PDB file of N, CA and C in Angstrom:
ATOM      1  N   GLY A   1      40.594 -28.916 106.794  1.00  0.00           N
ATOM      2  CA  GLY A   1      39.739 -30.028 107.469  1.00  0.00           C
ATOM      3  C   GLY A   1      38.903 -29.141 108.671  1.00  0.00           C
ATOM      4  N   THR A   2      38.513 -30.029 109.099  1.00  0.00           N
ATOM      5  CA  THR A   2      37.162 -29.724 110.141  1.00  0.00           C
ATOM      6  C   THR A   2      37.981 -29.645 111.742  1.00  0.00           C
ATOM      7  N   ARG A   3      37.710 -28.836 112.516  1.00  0.00           N
ATOM      8  CA  ARG A   3      38.215 -28.855 113.758  1.00  0.00           C
ATOM      9  C   ARG A   3      37.156 -28.473 114.749  1.00  0.00           C
ATOM     10  N   ASP A   4      37.049 -28.777 116.369  1.00  0.00           N
ATOM     11  CA  ASP A   4      36.078 -28.844 116.764  1.00  0.00           C
ATOM     12  C   ASP A   4      36.690 -27.674 118.001  1.00  0.00           C
ATOM     13  N   ARG A   5      35.991 -26.947 118.059  1.00  0.00           N
ATOM     14  CA  ARG A   5      36.049 -25.331 119.507  1.00  0.00           C
ATOM     15  C   ARG A   5      37.110 -25.595 119.847  1.00  0.00           C
ATOM     16  N   GLN A   6      37.572 -26.792 120.870  1.00  0.00           N
ATOM     17  CA  GLN A   6      38.803 -26.915 121.509  1.00  0.00           C
ATOM     18  C   GLN A   6      40.180 -26.943 120.798  1.00  0.00           C
ATOM     19  N   ALA A   7      40.193 -27.372 119.538  1.00  0.00           N
ATOM     20  CA  ALA A   7      41.245 -27.044 118.754  1.00  0.00           C
ATOM     21  C   ALA A   7      41.364 -26.013 117.839  1.00  0.00           C
ATOM     22  N   PHE A   8      40.447 -25.406 117.852  1.00  0.00           N
ATOM     23  CA  PHE A   8      40.147 -23.880 117.445  1.00  0.00           C
ATOM     24  C   PHE A   8      40.675 -22.955 117.925  1.00  0.00           C
ATOM     25  N   LEU A   9      40.180 -23.327 119.504  1.00  0.00           N
ATOM     26  CA  LEU A   9      40.750 -21.889 120.291  1.00  0.00           C
ATOM     27  C   LEU A   9      42.345 -22.333 120.977  1.00  0.00           C
ATOM     28  N   ALA A  10      42.407 -23.487 120.590  1.00  0.00           N
ATOM     29  CA  ALA A  10      43.890 -24.070 121.241  1.00  0.00           C
ATOM     30  C   ALA A  10      45.435 -23.313 120.345  1.00  0.00           C
ATOM     31  N   THR A  11      44.249 -23.442 118.759  1.00  0.00           N
ATOM     32  CA  THR A  11      45.259 -22.485 117.804  1.00  0.00           C
ATOM     33  C   THR A  11      45.426 -21.162 117.928  1.00  0.00           C
ATOM     34  N   ILE A  12      44.379 -20.425 118.061  1.00  0.00           N
ATOM     35  CA  ILE A  12      44.536 -18.957 118.254  1.00  0.00           C
ATOM     36  C   ILE A  12      45.223 -18.535 119.299  1.00  0.00           C
ATOM     37  N   LEU A  13      44.846 -18.866 120.422  1.00  0.00           N
ATOM     38  CA  LEU A  13      45.556 -18.864 121.987  1.00  0.00           C
ATOM     39  C   LEU A  13      46.758 -19.214 121.935  1.00  0.00           C
ATOM     40  N   ASP A  14      47.519 -20.290 120.925  1.00  0.00           N
ATOM     41  CA  ASP A  14      48.740 -20.914 121.474  1.00  0.00           C
ATOM     42  C   ASP A  14      49.219 -19.626 121.615  1.00  0.00           C
ATOM     43  N   PRO A  15      50.244 -19.195 122.350  1.00  0.00           N
ATOM     44  CA  PRO A  15      51.270 -18.222 122.441  1.00  0.00           C
ATOM     45  C   PRO A  15      52.590 -18.032 121.603  1.00  0.00           C
ATOM     46  N   LYS A  16      52.914 -19.342 120.725  1.00  0.00           N
ATOM     47  CA  LYS A  16      53.506 -19.468 119.720  1.00  0.00           C
ATOM     48  C   LYS A  16      53.260 -18.321 118.851  1.00  0.00           C
ATOM     49  N   LEU A  17      51.460 -17.836 118.378  1.00  0.00           N
ATOM     50  CA  LEU A  17      51.228 -17.433 117.276  1.00  0.00           C
ATOM     51  C   LEU A  17      51.218 -15.998 117.440  1.00  0.00           C
ATOM     52  N   GLN A  18      51.981 -15.185 116.519  1.00  0.00           N
ATOM     53  CA  GLN A  18      51.496 -13.957 116.938  1.00  0.00           C
ATOM     54  C   GLN A  18      51.225 -13.547 115.225  1.00  0.00           C
ATOM     55  N   ILE A  19      50.130 -12.626 115.205  1.00  0.00           N
ATOM     56  CA  ILE A  19      49.782 -12.284 114.379  1.00  0.00           C
ATOM     57  C   ILE A  19      49.692 -10.979 114.223  1.00  0.00           C
ATOM     58  N   ASP A  20      50.186 -10.440 112.825  1.00  0.00           N
ATOM     59  CA  ASP A  20      50.190  -8.805 112.807  1.00  0.00           C
ATOM     60  C   ASP A  20      48.972  -7.647 112.812  1.00  0.00           C
ATOM     61  N   PRO A  21      48.830  -6.488 112.928  1.00  0.00           N
ATOM     62  CA  PRO A  21      47.368  -6.402 112.771  1.00  0.00           C
ATOM     63  C   PRO A  21      47.092  -6.282 111.134  1.00  0.00           C
ATOM     64  N   TYR A  22      45.560  -6.377 110.879  1.00  0.00           N
ATOM     65  CA  TYR A  22      45.470  -6.939 109.779  1.00  0.00           C
ATOM     66  C   TYR A  22      43.897  -6.317 109.557  1.00  0.00           C
ATOM     67  N   THR A  23      43.629  -6.176 108.596  1.00  0.00           N
ATOM     68  CA  THR A  23      42.473  -5.233 107.551  1.00  0.00           C
ATOM     69  C   THR A  23      41.449  -6.202 107.233  1.00  0.00           C
ATOM     70  N   VAL A  24      40.032  -6.293 107.614  1.00  0.00           N
ATOM     71  CA  VAL A  24      39.110  -6.984 106.563  1.00  0.00           C
ATOM     72  C   VAL A  24      38.739  -6.301 105.694  1.00  0.00           C
ATOM     73  N   GLU A  25      38.651  -7.078 104.474  1.00  0.00           N
ATOM     74  CA  GLU A  25      37.855  -6.323 103.325  1.00  0.00           C
ATOM     75  C   GLU A  25      36.643  -7.392 103.226  1.00  0.00           C
ATOM     76  N   ASP A  26      35.548  -6.499 102.211  1.00  0.00           N
ATOM     77  CA  ASP A  26      33.988  -6.782 102.089  1.00  0.00           C
ATOM     78  C   ASP A  26      33.388  -7.333 103.166  1.00  0.00           C
ATOM     79  N   PHE A  27      33.441  -6.920 104.267  1.00  0.00           N
ATOM     80  CA  PHE A  27      32.913  -7.170 105.287  1.00  0.00           C
ATOM     81  C   PHE A  27      31.530  -6.783 105.435  1.00  0.00           C
ATOM     82  N   ASP A  28      30.721  -8.013 105.842  1.00  0.00           N
ATOM     83  CA  ASP A  28      28.908  -8.088 105.291  1.00  0.00           C
ATOM     84  C   ASP A  28      28.621  -8.401 106.938  1.00  0.00           C
ATOM     85  N   ILE A  29      27.462  -7.973 107.128  1.00  0.00           N
ATOM     86  CA  ILE A  29      26.723  -8.156 108.546  1.00  0.00           C
ATOM     87  C   ILE A  29      25.320  -8.604 108.227  1.00  0.00           C
ATOM     88  N   ARG A  30      24.661  -9.581 108.155  1.00  0.00           N
ATOM     89  CA  ARG A  30      23.296 -10.020 108.165  1.00  0.00           C
ATOM     90  C   ARG A  30      22.667 -10.383 108.907  1.00  0.00           C
ATOM     91  N   ARG A  31      21.440  -9.806 109.511  1.00  0.00           N
ATOM     92  CA  ARG A  31      20.745 -10.348 110.446  1.00  0.00           C
ATOM     93  C   ARG A  31      19.610 -11.200 110.207  1.00  0.00           C
ATOM     94  N   TYR A  32      19.221 -12.273 110.604  1.00  0.00           N
ATOM     95  CA  TYR A  32      17.892 -12.856 110.328  1.00  0.00           C
ATOM     96  C   TYR A  32      17.262 -13.272 111.874  1.00  0.00           C
ATOM     97  N   GLY A  33      16.141 -12.390 112.302  1.00  0.00           N
ATOM     98  CA  GLY A  33      16.087 -12.629 113.459  1.00  0.00           C
ATOM     99  C   GLY A  33      17.217 -12.720 114.642  1.00  0.00           C
ATOM    100  N   ASP A  34      17.227 -13.957 115.218  1.00  0.00           N
ATOM    101  CA  ASP A  34      18.270 -14.162 116.305  1.00  0.00           C
ATOM    102  C   ASP A  34      19.692 -14.571 115.948  1.00  0.00           C
ATOM    103  N   VAL A  35      19.575 -14.868 114.498  1.00  0.00           N
ATOM    104  CA  VAL A  35      20.591 -14.904 113.618  1.00  0.00           C
ATOM    105  C   VAL A  35      21.818 -13.931 113.037  1.00  0.00           C
ATOM    106  N   ALA A  36      22.835 -14.299 113.112  1.00  0.00           N
ATOM    107  CA  ALA A  36      23.562 -12.967 112.565  1.00  0.00           C
ATOM    108  C   ALA A  36      24.933 -13.826 111.487  1.00  0.00           C
ATOM    109  N   LEU A  37      24.850 -13.358 110.488  1.00  0.00           N
ATOM    110  CA  LEU A  37      26.049 -13.937 109.129  1.00  0.00           C
ATOM    111  C   LEU A  37      26.901 -12.810 109.439  1.00  0.00           C
ATOM    112  N   LEU A  38      28.160 -12.879 109.489  1.00  0.00           N
ATOM    113  CA  LEU A  38      29.284 -11.835 109.034  1.00  0.00           C
ATOM    114  C   LEU A  38      30.493 -12.669 108.162  1.00  0.00           C
ATOM    115  N   SER A  39      30.871 -11.752 107.403  1.00  0.00           N
ATOM    116  CA  SER A  39      31.751 -12.570 106.634  1.00  0.00           C
ATOM    117  C   SER A  39      32.672 -11.040 105.951  1.00  0.00           C
ATOM    118  N   GLY A  40      33.647 -11.824 105.135  1.00  0.00           N
ATOM    119  CA  GLY A  40      34.803 -11.062 104.752  1.00  0.00           C
ATOM    120  C   GLY A  40      35.578 -11.423 104.825  1.00  0.00           C
ATOM    121  N   ARG A  41      36.665 -11.063 104.177  1.00  0.00           N
ATOM    122  CA  ARG A  41      38.183 -11.337 103.486  1.00  0.00           C
ATOM    123  C   ARG A  41      39.252 -10.768 103.990  1.00  0.00           C
ATOM    124  N   THR A  42      40.548 -11.270 104.326  1.00  0.00           N
ATOM    125  CA  THR A  42      41.138 -10.804 104.912  1.00  0.00           C
ATOM    126  C   THR A  42      42.838 -11.432 104.217  1.00  0.00           C
ATOM    127  N   GLN A  43      44.078 -10.687 104.703  1.00  0.00           N
ATOM    128  CA  GLN A  43      44.766 -11.295 104.508  1.00  0.00           C
ATOM    129  C   GLN A  43      45.746 -10.841 105.729  1.00  0.00           C
ATOM    130  N   MET A  44      46.251 -12.141 106.496  1.00  0.00           N
ATOM    131  CA  MET A  44      46.917 -12.093 107.629  1.00  0.00           C
ATOM    132  C   MET A  44      48.573 -12.293 107.616  1.00  0.00           C
ATOM    133  N   THR A  45      49.408 -11.359 108.361  1.00  0.00           N
ATOM    134  CA  THR A  45      50.342 -11.843 108.349  1.00  0.00           C
ATOM    135  C   THR A  45      50.780 -12.555 109.550  1.00  0.00           C
ATOM    136  N   GLY A  46      52.142 -13.043 110.457  1.00  0.00           N
ATOM    137  CA  GLY A  46      52.680 -13.262 111.494  1.00  0.00           C
ATOM    138  C   GLY A  46      53.627 -13.597 111.529  1.00  0.00           C
ATOM    139  N   HIS A  47      53.908 -15.031 112.773  1.00  0.00           N
ATOM    140  CA  HIS A  47      54.989 -15.890 113.071  1.00  0.00           C
ATOM    141  C   HIS A  47      54.264 -16.733 114.297  1.00  0.00           C
ATOM    142  N   TYR A  48      54.807 -18.232 113.534  1.00  0.00           N
ATOM    143  CA  TYR A  48      54.432 -19.074 114.446  1.00  0.00           C
ATOM    144  C   TYR A  48      55.646 -19.919 114.851  1.00  0.00           C
ATOM    145  N   ASP A  49      55.867 -19.716 116.042  1.00  0.00           N
ATOM    146  CA  ASP A  49      56.692 -20.316 116.300  1.00  0.00           C
ATOM    147  C   ASP A  49      58.612 -20.061 115.948  1.00  0.00           C
ATOM    148  N   GLY A  50      58.328 -18.543 115.790  1.00  0.00           N
ATOM    149  CA  GLY A  50      59.323 -17.875 114.882  1.00  0.00           C
ATOM    150  C   GLY A  50      59.465 -17.929 113.898  1.00  0.00           C
ATOM    151  N   ALA A  51      58.829 -18.892 113.205  1.00  0.00           N
ATOM    152  CA  ALA A  51      58.714 -18.917 111.285  1.00  0.00           C
ATOM    153  C   ALA A  51      57.259 -18.025 110.861  1.00  0.00           C
ATOM    154  N   ALA A  52      57.427 -16.789 109.792  1.00  0.00           N
ATOM    155  CA  ALA A  52      56.577 -16.162 109.270  1.00  0.00           C
ATOM    156  C   ALA A  52      55.699 -16.890 108.495  1.00  0.00           C
ATOM    157  N   PHE A  53      54.525 -16.619 108.370  1.00  0.00           N
ATOM    158  CA  PHE A  53      53.457 -16.928 107.577  1.00  0.00           C
ATOM    159  C   PHE A  53      52.877 -16.003 106.825  1.00  0.00           C
ATOM    160  N   SER A  54      51.888 -15.927 106.011  1.00  0.00           N
ATOM    161  CA  SER A  54      51.152 -15.214 105.545  1.00  0.00           C
ATOM    162  C   SER A  54      49.744 -15.944 105.153  1.00  0.00           C
ATOM    163  N   SER A  55      48.598 -15.461 104.934  1.00  0.00           N
ATOM    164  CA  SER A  55      47.357 -16.508 104.775  1.00  0.00           C
ATOM    165  C   SER A  55      45.901 -15.203 104.159  1.00  0.00           C
ATOM    166  N   HIS A  56      45.440 -15.782 103.270  1.00  0.00           N
ATOM    167  CA  HIS A  56      44.676 -14.773 102.432  1.00  0.00           C
ATOM    168  C   HIS A  56      43.005 -15.915 103.094  1.00  0.00           C
ATOM    169  N   TYR A  57      42.085 -15.213 103.188  1.00  0.00           N
ATOM    170  CA  TYR A  57      41.036 -16.295 103.254  1.00  0.00           C
ATOM    171  C   TYR A  57      39.930 -15.290 103.474  1.00  0.00           C
ATOM    172  N   ARG A  58      39.084 -16.230 103.032  1.00  0.00           N
ATOM    173  CA  ARG A  58      37.778 -15.855 103.020  1.00  0.00           C
ATOM    174  C   ARG A  58      36.816 -16.757 104.120  1.00  0.00           C
ATOM    175  N   TYR A  59      35.800 -15.766 105.135  1.00  0.00           N
ATOM    176  CA  TYR A  59      35.103 -16.372 105.939  1.00  0.00           C
ATOM    177  C   TYR A  59      33.957 -16.049 106.625  1.00  0.00           C
ATOM    178  N   ILE A  60      33.147 -16.881 106.969  1.00  0.00           N
ATOM    179  CA  ILE A  60      31.744 -16.702 107.477  1.00  0.00           C
ATOM    180  C   ILE A  60      31.780 -17.012 109.095  1.00  0.00           C
ATOM    181  N   ASP A  61      31.582 -16.397 109.784  1.00  0.00           N
ATOM    182  CA  ASP A  61      30.889 -16.398 111.520  1.00  0.00           C
ATOM    183  C   ASP A  61      29.276 -16.563 111.833  1.00  0.00           C
ATOM    184  N   VAL A  62      28.873 -17.400 112.531  1.00  0.00           N
ATOM    185  CA  VAL A  62      27.398 -17.215 112.120  1.00  0.00           C
ATOM    186  C   VAL A  62      27.700 -16.993 114.058  1.00  0.00           C
ATOM    187  N   TYR A  63      26.618 -16.364 114.481  1.00  0.00           N
ATOM    188  CA  TYR A  63      26.043 -15.799 115.882  1.00  0.00           C
ATOM    189  C   TYR A  63      24.924 -16.134 115.986  1.00  0.00           C
ATOM    190  N   ALA A  64      24.367 -16.316 116.960  1.00  0.00           N
ATOM    191  CA  ALA A  64      23.250 -16.733 117.981  1.00  0.00           C
ATOM    192  C   ALA A  64      22.889 -16.065 119.007  1.00  0.00           C
ATOM    193  N   LEU A  65      21.737 -14.803 118.863  1.00  0.00           N
ATOM    194  CA  LEU A  65      21.605 -14.280 119.958  1.00  0.00           C
ATOM    195  C   LEU A  65      20.923 -15.210 120.906  1.00  0.00           C
ATOM    196  N   GLN A  66      21.350 -15.317 122.398  1.00  0.00           N
ATOM    197  CA  GLN A  66      21.157 -16.458 123.474  1.00  0.00           C
ATOM    198  C   GLN A  66      21.274 -15.864 124.661  1.00  0.00           C
ATOM    199  N   ASP A  67      20.180 -15.920 125.147  1.00  0.00           N
ATOM    200  CA  ASP A  67      19.793 -15.028 126.616  1.00  0.00           C
ATOM    201  C   ASP A  67      20.250 -13.299 126.543  1.00  0.00           C
ATOM    202  N   GLY A  68      20.429 -12.871 125.637  1.00  0.00           N
ATOM    203  CA  GLY A  68      20.590 -11.527 125.189  1.00  0.00           C
ATOM    204  C   GLY A  68      22.198 -11.207 125.284  1.00  0.00           C
ATOM    205  N   GLN A  69      22.889 -12.283 124.411  1.00  0.00           N
ATOM    206  CA  GLN A  69      24.268 -12.052 124.457  1.00  0.00           C
ATOM    207  C   GLN A  69      24.605 -13.074 123.120  1.00  0.00           C
ATOM    208  N   TRP A  70      24.904 -11.997 122.426  1.00  0.00           N
ATOM    209  CA  TRP A  70      25.789 -12.802 120.939  1.00  0.00           C
ATOM    210  C   TRP A  70      26.440 -13.907 120.917  1.00  0.00           C
ATOM    211  N   ARG A  71      26.684 -14.606 120.609  1.00  0.00           N
ATOM    212  CA  ARG A  71      27.402 -16.173 120.694  1.00  0.00           C
ATOM    213  C   ARG A  71      28.201 -16.505 119.701  1.00  0.00           C
ATOM    214  N   VAL A  72      28.961 -16.778 119.534  1.00  0.00           N
ATOM    215  CA  VAL A  72      29.695 -17.537 118.302  1.00  0.00           C
ATOM    216  C   VAL A  72      28.902 -19.040 118.362  1.00  0.00           C
ATOM    217  N   VAL A  73      28.168 -19.347 117.017  1.00  0.00           N
ATOM    218  CA  VAL A  73      28.173 -20.638 117.049  1.00  0.00           C
ATOM    219  C   VAL A  73      28.616 -21.749 116.101  1.00  0.00           C
ATOM    220  N   SER A  74      29.502 -21.170 115.140  1.00  0.00           N
ATOM    221  CA  SER A  74      29.840 -21.578 114.074  1.00  0.00           C
ATOM    222  C   SER A  74      31.367 -20.669 113.118  1.00  0.00           C
ATOM    223  N   VAL A  75      32.336 -21.273 112.900  1.00  0.00           N
ATOM    224  CA  VAL A  75      33.132 -20.245 112.471  1.00  0.00           C
ATOM    225  C   VAL A  75      33.588 -21.255 110.665  1.00  0.00           C
ATOM    226  N   GLN A  76      33.554 -20.465 109.916  1.00  0.00           N
ATOM    227  CA  GLN A  76      34.252 -21.561 108.662  1.00  0.00           C
ATOM    228  C   GLN A  76      35.020 -20.534 108.145  1.00  0.00           C
ATOM    229  N   ILE A  77      36.195 -20.760 107.659  1.00  0.00           N
ATOM    230  CA  ILE A  77      37.729 -20.257 107.165  1.00  0.00           C
ATOM    231  C   ILE A  77      37.794 -20.798 105.431  1.00  0.00           C
ATOM    232  N   THR A  78      38.087 -20.373 104.337  1.00  0.00           N
ATOM    233  CA  THR A  78      38.386 -20.849 103.308  1.00  0.00           C
ATOM    234  C   THR A  78      39.272 -20.095 102.854  1.00  0.00           C
ATOM    235  N   PRO A  79      40.822 -20.989 102.518  1.00  0.00           N
ATOM    236  CA  PRO A  79      41.901 -20.180 101.975  1.00  0.00           C
ATOM    237  C   PRO A  79      41.511 -19.391 100.189  1.00  0.00           C
ATOM    238  N   VAL A  80      42.165 -18.848 100.378  1.00  0.00           N
ATOM    239  CA  VAL A  80      42.138 -18.078  98.878  1.00  0.00           C
ATOM    240  C   VAL A  80      42.951 -18.117  98.219  1.00  0.00           C
ATOM    241  N   ARG A  81      43.134 -18.993  96.666  1.00  0.00           N
ATOM    242  CA  ARG A  81      44.444 -18.996  95.974  1.00  0.00           C
ATOM    243  C   ARG A  81      44.958 -18.204  95.673  1.00  0.00           C
ATOM    244  N   GLU A  82      45.772 -17.698  95.594  1.00  0.00           N
ATOM    245  CA  GLU A  82      46.826 -16.622  94.920  1.00  0.00           C
ATOM    246  C   GLU A  82      47.094 -16.424  93.446  1.00  0.00           C
TER     247      GLU A  82
END
């Protein structure tokens, strides 16, 4: 489903979430003026509230250059079926 910024940040900053080191595959950056698209694929493992998890997904992040700073304006994550 769709989550807003606050819900997304609350999830990734939750102290119960522990993410193991991971690598990004198929990483690509495409810049179109003041907009950049970053995409890739990753497999992530870790623990949430003591329970182990594993996820495999593709993502695309959209950045916009605002006042000389690159800022995330959109994050899209799609699970990859095994």
